[in-house]
Amino acid sequence: MKKFTTKDLALSSIIGALYVALVFAFFFISFSDIQFRIAEVLLILVIFNPKLAFGIIVGTFVANTFAPGSFGIIDGAFGTLATMVGLIGLIAFRKKPIIGLLFPVLANGAIVSLMLVFFTDVPVTYWLSFASVSIGQAVVLYGLGLPLYYYLKRNDHLIEKLQ
């Protein structure tokens, strides 16, 4: 990976702020039993520029820590860990985005479900939680993110702005 420049920092900051804004705007579906976190669509951007992962990770931490309906720092830690693990897989498989998108789906399903089982009083099993979190993540990434990926891929001027 090339050196992290001031432009990369500025672009990551914008992406992180957009992530937080989307979580706050859609908080009513971002923290429910079946989570449809619209902000996760931004993960697609790391396929075009892996350096944007920094902004998404910081945005995830801020949103999870301070959003209404979150568990504060616990949510910040678990959610950020899930995002980091998912982004590592997505970046590794960015040449095959259909496969790469499975990593955030599975990482969020596995890690967020652990948090929900241990830190909520909702009588839910790990596997039921894993299924519900993973389904919500898959709907956002494959239903919204993949079309966004194909749109961006056809628009060189937009990709140029992301790099």
Protein backbone atom coordinates (compact mmCIF):
# COMPACT_ATOMS: atom_id res chain seq x y z
CA MET A 1 0.00 0.00 0.00
CA LYS A 2 1.24 3.45 -0.86
CA LYS A 3 1.95 6.11 1.74
CA PHE A 4 -1.06 7.49 3.63
CA THR A 5 -1.32 11.09 2.39
CA THR A 6 -3.16 14.19 3.57
CA LYS A 7 -5.69 13.54 0.80
CA ASP A 8 -6.22 10.02 2.16
CA LEU A 9 -6.78 11.43 5.65
CA ALA A 10 -9.27 14.01 4.35
CA LEU A 11 -11.17 11.43 2.30
CA SER A 12 -11.19 8.96 5.20
CA SER A 13 -12.50 11.68 7.49
CA ILE A 14 -15.34 12.43 5.09
CA ILE A 15 -16.19 8.74 4.81
CA GLY A 16 -16.07 8.31 8.60
CA ALA A 17 -18.32 11.32 9.14
CA LEU A 18 -20.73 10.04 6.49
CA TYR A 19 -20.79 6.65 8.23
CA VAL A 20 -21.72 8.30 11.54
CA ALA A 21 -24.35 10.49 9.88
CA LEU A 22 -25.97 7.48 8.19
CA VAL A 23 -26.05 5.47 11.43
CA PHE A 24 -27.64 8.39 13.26
CA ALA A 25 -30.11 9.07 10.44
CA PHE A 26 -31.18 5.42 10.35
CA PHE A 27 -30.62 4.54 14.01
CA PHE A 28 -34.10 3.00 14.26
CA ILE A 29 -32.97 0.14 11.99
CA SER A 30 -29.25 0.25 12.80
CA PHE A 31 -29.63 -1.13 16.34
CA SER A 32 -32.67 -3.41 16.15
CA ASP A 33 -32.82 -7.20 16.45
CA ILE A 34 -32.41 -7.51 12.70
CA GLN A 35 -30.01 -4.70 11.91
CA PHE A 36 -30.11 -2.99 8.56
CA ARG A 37 -27.22 -0.61 9.00
CA ILE A 38 -27.39 1.47 5.85
CA ALA A 39 -23.98 3.00 6.64
CA GLU A 40 -22.38 -0.39 5.96
CA VAL A 41 -22.88 0.26 2.25
CA LEU A 42 -19.76 2.44 2.55
CA LEU A 43 -17.65 -0.69 2.99
CA ILE A 44 -17.84 -1.04 -0.78
CA LEU A 45 -15.50 1.94 -1.09
CA VAL A 46 -12.51 0.01 0.31
CA ILE A 47 -12.63 -2.17 -2.80
CA PHE A 48 -11.52 0.89 -4.77
CA ASN A 49 -9.23 2.34 -2.09
CA PRO A 50 -8.23 0.18 0.90
CA LYS A 51 -6.97 3.28 2.72
CA LEU A 52 -10.60 4.31 3.26
CA ALA A 53 -10.86 1.50 5.81
CA PHE A 54 -9.39 3.92 8.35
CA GLY A 55 -12.37 6.27 8.04
CA ILE A 56 -14.88 3.44 8.21
CA ILE A 57 -13.25 1.99 11.32
CA VAL A 58 -13.21 5.35 13.12
CA GLY A 59 -16.76 6.08 11.94
CA THR A 60 -17.91 2.70 13.25
CA PHE A 61 -16.34 3.34 16.64
CA VAL A 62 -17.89 6.80 16.98
CA ALA A 63 -21.32 5.70 15.78
CA ASN A 64 -21.42 2.58 17.93
CA THR A 65 -20.22 4.40 21.01
CA PHE A 66 -22.47 7.46 20.85
CA ALA A 67 -25.58 6.53 18.83
CA PRO A 68 -28.98 6.23 20.52
CA GLY A 69 -29.76 2.57 21.11
CA SER A 70 -26.14 1.48 21.38
CA PHE A 71 -24.36 -0.06 24.38
CA GLY A 72 -21.75 2.70 24.48
CA ILE A 73 -18.11 1.69 24.67
CA ILE A 74 -18.99 -2.01 24.64
CA ASP A 75 -20.78 -1.53 21.33
CA GLY A 76 -17.90 0.63 20.15
CA ALA A 77 -15.34 -2.06 20.90
CA PHE A 78 -17.26 -5.08 19.56
CA GLY A 79 -18.63 -3.28 16.51
CA THR A 80 -15.26 -1.85 15.60
CA LEU A 81 -13.60 -5.24 15.97
CA ALA A 82 -16.25 -6.77 13.69
CA THR A 83 -15.69 -4.02 11.14
CA MET A 84 -11.91 -4.44 11.21
CA VAL A 85 -12.11 -8.21 10.75
CA GLY A 86 -14.66 -7.84 7.96
CA LEU A 87 -12.62 -5.18 6.18
CA ILE A 88 -9.46 -7.30 6.27
CA GLY A 89 -11.29 -10.06 4.40
CA LEU A 90 -12.99 -7.63 2.03
CA ILE A 91 -9.70 -5.96 1.15
CA ALA A 92 -8.00 -9.34 0.67
CA PHE A 93 -10.75 -10.40 -1.75
CA ARG A 94 -11.44 -7.02 -3.36
CA LYS A 95 -10.83 -8.49 -6.82
CA LYS A 96 -13.80 -10.81 -6.15
CA PRO A 97 -16.30 -8.55 -4.38
CA ILE A 98 -19.08 -11.12 -4.18
CA ILE A 99 -16.79 -13.30 -2.05
CA GLY A 100 -15.17 -10.36 -0.26
CA LEU A 101 -18.53 -9.10 1.00
CA LEU A 102 -19.02 -12.36 2.89
CA PHE A 103 -16.31 -11.34 5.35
CA PRO A 104 -18.16 -8.33 6.82
CA VAL A 105 -21.38 -10.36 6.84
CA LEU A 106 -19.80 -13.22 8.79
CA ALA A 107 -17.61 -11.04 11.03
CA ASN A 108 -20.55 -8.88 12.10
CA GLY A 109 -22.75 -11.92 12.55
CA ALA A 110 -20.17 -13.65 14.74
CA ILE A 111 -18.84 -10.75 16.81
CA VAL A 112 -21.94 -8.58 17.22
CA SER A 113 -23.93 -11.67 18.19
CA LEU A 114 -21.48 -12.38 21.01
CA MET A 115 -22.05 -8.87 22.32
CA LEU A 116 -25.83 -9.18 22.06
CA VAL A 117 -25.91 -12.52 23.85
CA PHE A 118 -23.62 -11.44 26.69
CA PHE A 119 -24.69 -7.83 27.22
CA THR A 120 -28.45 -7.82 26.68
CA ASP A 121 -31.25 -9.30 28.69
CA VAL A 122 -33.04 -10.46 25.55
CA PRO A 123 -33.47 -14.24 25.72
CA VAL A 124 -31.85 -15.00 22.37
CA THR A 125 -29.48 -17.75 21.36
CA TYR A 126 -26.16 -17.05 19.73
CA TRP A 127 -27.13 -18.74 16.48
CA LEU A 128 -30.44 -16.91 16.19
CA SER A 129 -28.63 -13.64 16.79
CA PHE A 130 -25.91 -14.63 14.32
CA ALA A 131 -28.56 -15.32 11.68
CA SER A 132 -30.44 -12.07 12.23
CA VAL A 133 -27.33 -9.86 12.24
CA SER A 134 -25.87 -11.65 9.22
CA ILE A 135 -29.10 -11.41 7.25
CA GLY A 136 -29.37 -7.68 7.87
CA GLN A 137 -25.73 -7.19 6.92
CA ALA A 138 -26.12 -9.29 3.76
CA VAL A 139 -29.22 -7.37 2.67
CA VAL A 140 -27.37 -4.06 2.95
CA LEU A 141 -24.09 -5.21 1.39
CA TYR A 142 -25.50 -7.32 -1.41
CA GLY A 143 -28.78 -5.48 -1.96
CA LEU A 144 -27.41 -1.92 -1.81
CA GLY A 145 -23.62 -2.27 -1.79
CA LEU A 146 -23.14 -4.53 -4.77
CA PRO A 147 -25.24 -2.33 -7.10
CA LEU A 148 -23.24 0.66 -5.79
CA TYR A 149 -20.01 -1.21 -6.57
CA TYR A 150 -21.09 -1.89 -10.16
CA TYR A 151 -22.21 1.72 -10.58
CA LEU A 152 -18.90 3.08 -9.32
CA LYS A 153 -16.94 0.57 -11.37
CA ARG A 154 -18.51 1.97 -14.57
CA ASN A 155 -17.67 5.57 -13.64
CA ASP A 156 -13.96 6.18 -13.87
CA HIS A 157 -14.28 9.81 -12.76
CA LEU A 158 -15.85 8.70 -9.45
CA ILE A 159 -13.22 6.01 -8.88
CA GLU A 160 -10.55 8.61 -9.55
CA LYS A 161 -12.01 10.79 -6.76
CA LEU A 162 -11.87 7.84 -4.34
CA GLN A 163 -8.21 7.12 -4.98
